């Protein structure tokens, strides 16, 4: 999986990560999304 970062100064960086790390990133992003959804209700 390739993770893309966009910094506030406009610089973009792409980093290749392992499948274990990509699974963890997806899980964390899902938990953040669910938390944000709970807070808006």
Protein backbone atom coordinates (compact mmCIF):
# COMPACT_ATOMS: atom_id res chain seq x y z
CA UNK A 1 0.00 0.00 0.00
CA UNK A 2 1.19 3.51 -0.73
CA UNK A 3 0.46 6.16 1.91
CA UNK A 4 0.18 9.73 0.62
CA UNK A 5 0.89 12.76 2.80
CA UNK A 6 0.18 16.36 1.85
CA UNK A 7 1.91 18.90 4.05
CA UNK A 8 0.57 22.37 4.81
CA UNK A 9 3.26 23.93 2.60
CA UNK A 10 1.91 21.94 -0.38
CA UNK A 11 4.65 19.31 -0.47
CA UNK A 12 3.42 15.80 -1.28
CA UNK A 13 5.15 12.58 -0.21
CA UNK A 14 4.27 8.98 -1.05
CA UNK A 15 5.60 6.15 1.11
CA UNK A 16 5.34 2.41 0.47
CA UNK A 17 4.34 0.50 3.64
CA UNK A 18 4.02 -3.19 4.50
CA UNK A 19 0.66 -4.95 4.52
CA UNK A 20 0.67 -5.18 8.34
CA UNK A 21 1.14 -1.44 8.68
CA UNK A 22 -1.43 -0.72 5.98
CA UNK A 23 -4.00 -2.84 7.82
CA UNK A 24 -3.31 -0.88 11.01
CA UNK A 25 -3.64 2.45 9.18
CA UNK A 26 -6.98 1.40 7.65
CA UNK A 27 -8.25 0.28 11.07
CA UNK A 28 -7.24 3.57 12.74
CA UNK A 29 -8.82 5.66 9.97
CA UNK A 30 -12.04 3.64 10.32
CA UNK A 31 -12.11 4.22 14.09
CA UNK A 32 -11.56 7.96 13.59
CA UNK A 33 -14.36 8.09 11.04
CA UNK A 34 -16.74 6.27 13.39
CA UNK A 35 -15.77 8.54 16.29
CA UNK A 36 -16.42 11.65 14.19
CA UNK A 37 -19.79 10.26 13.16
CA UNK A 38 -20.76 9.65 16.82
CA UNK A 39 -19.80 13.20 17.76
CA UNK A 40 -22.01 14.74 15.07
CA UNK A 41 -25.16 12.96 16.23
